[in-house]
Amino acid sequence: MKFLDRSCLEAARLLSKRADHRLTLVERLALRRHLAVCGACPRFARQVDLLRSAVGRWKQYTED
């Protein structure tokens, strides 16, 4: 797969959107299909999830 081809860019956009908003059914299916065949995007998805978790913990820490 080409580095950052259109489908990877779209997957990155959806992963970023998913961090803050609920994706539509079509978006979720498209993302799931892409993640199943791409080698790089699942790693990016884990990174986005890790960052979201870290920010959530930091907000919780600063509110206490």
N, C-alpha and C. Protein backbone atom coordinates (compact mmCIF):
# COMPACT_ATOMS: atom_id res chain seq x y z
N MET A 1 0.84 -1.18 0.00
CA MET A 1 0.00 0.00 0.00
C MET A 1 0.88 1.25 0.00
N LYS A 2 0.53 2.19 -0.83
CA LYS A 2 1.31 3.41 -0.92
C LYS A 2 1.23 4.18 0.39
N PHE A 3 2.31 4.85 0.71
CA PHE A 3 2.36 5.65 1.93
C PHE A 3 1.38 6.82 1.81
N LEU A 4 0.49 6.91 2.77
CA LEU A 4 -0.51 7.97 2.84
C LEU A 4 -1.33 8.12 1.57
N ASP A 5 -1.79 7.00 1.01
CA ASP A 5 -2.68 7.11 -0.14
C ASP A 5 -4.03 7.66 0.32
N ARG A 6 -4.88 7.90 -0.62
CA ARG A 6 -6.16 8.55 -0.30
C ARG A 6 -6.94 7.80 0.77
N SER A 7 -6.96 6.47 0.71
CA SER A 7 -7.73 5.74 1.70
C SER A 7 -7.10 5.84 3.10
N CYS A 8 -5.77 5.90 3.16
CA CYS A 8 -5.12 6.09 4.46
C CYS A 8 -5.40 7.48 5.01
N LEU A 9 -5.40 8.47 4.14
CA LEU A 9 -5.73 9.83 4.59
C LEU A 9 -7.16 9.89 5.10
N GLU A 10 -8.07 9.23 4.40
CA GLU A 10 -9.46 9.19 4.85
C GLU A 10 -9.57 8.44 6.18
N ALA A 11 -8.84 7.35 6.33
CA ALA A 11 -8.86 6.60 7.59
C ALA A 11 -8.33 7.47 8.72
N ALA A 12 -7.27 8.22 8.48
CA ALA A 12 -6.72 9.11 9.51
C ALA A 12 -7.74 10.17 9.89
N ARG A 13 -8.45 10.70 8.91
CA ARG A 13 -9.48 11.70 9.19
C ARG A 13 -10.58 11.09 10.06
N LEU A 14 -11.00 9.87 9.71
CA LEU A 14 -12.06 9.22 10.48
C LEU A 14 -11.58 8.86 11.89
N LEU A 15 -10.34 8.43 12.02
CA LEU A 15 -9.81 8.11 13.35
C LEU A 15 -9.76 9.35 14.23
N SER A 16 -9.37 10.47 13.65
CA SER A 16 -9.35 11.72 14.41
C SER A 16 -10.76 12.15 14.79
N LYS A 17 -11.67 12.01 13.85
CA LYS A 17 -13.06 12.37 14.13
C LYS A 17 -13.64 11.47 15.22
N ARG A 18 -13.31 10.17 15.15
CA ARG A 18 -13.81 9.19 16.12
C ARG A 18 -13.37 9.51 17.54
N ALA A 19 -12.25 10.19 17.69
CA ALA A 19 -11.76 10.53 19.02
C ALA A 19 -12.71 11.46 19.76
N ASP A 20 -13.48 12.26 19.01
CA ASP A 20 -14.35 13.25 19.65
C ASP A 20 -15.83 13.11 19.33
N HIS A 21 -16.15 12.37 18.28
CA HIS A 21 -17.54 12.27 17.84
C HIS A 21 -17.87 10.83 17.45
N ARG A 22 -19.14 10.52 17.46
CA ARG A 22 -19.59 9.21 17.00
C ARG A 22 -19.63 9.21 15.48
N LEU A 23 -19.03 8.19 14.88
CA LEU A 23 -19.05 8.07 13.43
C LEU A 23 -20.39 7.51 12.97
N THR A 24 -20.75 7.85 11.74
CA THR A 24 -21.96 7.26 11.15
C THR A 24 -21.68 5.79 10.86
N LEU A 25 -22.74 5.05 10.60
CA LEU A 25 -22.59 3.64 10.28
C LEU A 25 -21.69 3.46 9.05
N VAL A 26 -21.90 4.26 8.02
CA VAL A 26 -21.09 4.17 6.80
C VAL A 26 -19.63 4.46 7.11
N GLU A 27 -19.37 5.47 7.92
CA GLU A 27 -18.00 5.79 8.29
C GLU A 27 -17.36 4.67 9.08
N ARG A 28 -18.11 4.10 10.05
CA ARG A 28 -17.56 3.00 10.84
C ARG A 28 -17.22 1.79 9.98
N LEU A 29 -18.10 1.46 9.04
CA LEU A 29 -17.84 0.33 8.15
C LEU A 29 -16.65 0.58 7.24
N ALA A 30 -16.55 1.78 6.70
CA ALA A 30 -15.43 2.11 5.83
C ALA A 30 -14.12 2.05 6.61
N LEU A 31 -14.11 2.56 7.82
CA LEU A 31 -12.91 2.54 8.65
C LEU A 31 -12.53 1.12 9.01
N ARG A 32 -13.50 0.33 9.42
CA ARG A 32 -13.24 -1.06 9.78
C ARG A 32 -12.65 -1.84 8.59
N ARG A 33 -13.22 -1.63 7.41
CA ARG A 33 -12.74 -2.31 6.21
C ARG A 33 -11.28 -1.90 5.91
N HIS A 34 -11.00 -0.60 6.02
CA HIS A 34 -9.64 -0.14 5.74
C HIS A 34 -8.65 -0.69 6.77
N LEU A 35 -9.02 -0.65 8.04
CA LEU A 35 -8.11 -1.14 9.08
C LEU A 35 -7.81 -2.63 8.93
N ALA A 36 -8.74 -3.36 8.33
CA ALA A 36 -8.54 -4.81 8.15
C ALA A 36 -7.47 -5.11 7.09
N VAL A 37 -7.25 -4.19 6.17
CA VAL A 37 -6.31 -4.48 5.07
C VAL A 37 -5.04 -3.63 5.11
N CYS A 38 -5.00 -2.63 5.94
CA CYS A 38 -3.86 -1.71 5.97
C CYS A 38 -2.90 -2.10 7.10
N GLY A 39 -1.62 -2.01 6.81
CA GLY A 39 -0.63 -2.34 7.83
C GLY A 39 -0.31 -1.19 8.77
N ALA A 40 -0.41 0.04 8.28
CA ALA A 40 0.00 1.20 9.07
C ALA A 40 -1.13 1.82 9.89
N CYS A 41 -2.30 1.88 9.35
CA CYS A 41 -3.39 2.60 10.02
C CYS A 41 -3.81 2.01 11.37
N PRO A 42 -3.78 0.69 11.55
CA PRO A 42 -4.10 0.19 12.90
C PRO A 42 -3.12 0.70 13.97
N ARG A 43 -1.87 0.87 13.60
CA ARG A 43 -0.91 1.45 14.56
C ARG A 43 -1.28 2.90 14.87
N PHE A 44 -1.65 3.64 13.84
CA PHE A 44 -2.07 5.02 14.05
C PHE A 44 -3.32 5.06 14.93
N ALA A 45 -4.24 4.15 14.72
CA ALA A 45 -5.46 4.08 15.53
C ALA A 45 -5.12 3.87 17.00
N ARG A 46 -4.18 2.98 17.27
CA ARG A 46 -3.77 2.75 18.66
C ARG A 46 -3.12 4.00 19.25
N GLN A 47 -2.35 4.73 18.45
CA GLN A 47 -1.73 5.95 18.92
C GLN A 47 -2.78 7.01 19.26
N VAL A 48 -3.78 7.16 18.39
CA VAL A 48 -4.85 8.12 18.64
C VAL A 48 -5.59 7.74 19.92
N ASP A 49 -5.89 6.46 20.09
CA ASP A 49 -6.59 6.00 21.30
C ASP A 49 -5.74 6.24 22.55
N LEU A 50 -4.44 6.01 22.46
CA LEU A 50 -3.55 6.25 23.59
C LEU A 50 -3.50 7.72 23.96
N LEU A 51 -3.40 8.58 22.95
CA LEU A 51 -3.39 10.03 23.22
C LEU A 51 -4.70 10.49 23.83
N ARG A 52 -5.81 9.98 23.33
CA ARG A 52 -7.11 10.36 23.89
C ARG A 52 -7.21 9.93 25.35
N SER A 53 -6.74 8.72 25.64
CA SER A 53 -6.77 8.22 27.01
C SER A 53 -5.87 9.07 27.92
N ALA A 54 -4.70 9.42 27.42
CA ALA A 54 -3.77 10.22 28.22
C ALA A 54 -4.35 11.60 28.50
N VAL A 55 -4.96 12.20 27.52
CA VAL A 55 -5.57 13.52 27.72
C VAL A 55 -6.71 13.42 28.72
N GLY A 56 -7.50 12.36 28.62
CA GLY A 56 -8.59 12.17 29.58
C GLY A 56 -8.09 12.02 30.99
N ARG A 57 -7.01 11.25 31.15
CA ARG A 57 -6.43 11.09 32.49
C ARG A 57 -5.84 12.40 32.99
N TRP A 58 -5.22 13.17 32.10
CA TRP A 58 -4.62 14.45 32.50
C TRP A 58 -5.73 15.42 32.94
N LYS A 59 -6.83 15.47 32.20
CA LYS A 59 -7.95 16.33 32.59
C LYS A 59 -8.48 15.93 33.94
N GLN A 60 -8.60 14.63 34.18
CA GLN A 60 -9.09 14.14 35.46
C GLN A 60 -8.11 14.51 36.59
N TYR A 61 -6.82 14.39 36.31
CA TYR A 61 -5.79 14.73 37.30
C TYR A 61 -5.84 16.22 37.65
N THR A 62 -6.00 17.07 36.62
CA THR A 62 -5.97 18.50 36.89
C THR A 62 -7.26 19.00 37.56
N GLU A 63 -8.36 18.23 37.42
CA GLU A 63 -9.61 18.62 38.06
C GLU A 63 -9.65 18.23 39.53
N ASP A 64 -8.83 17.28 39.93
CA ASP A 64 -8.84 16.82 41.33
C ASP A 64 -8.13 17.75 42.26
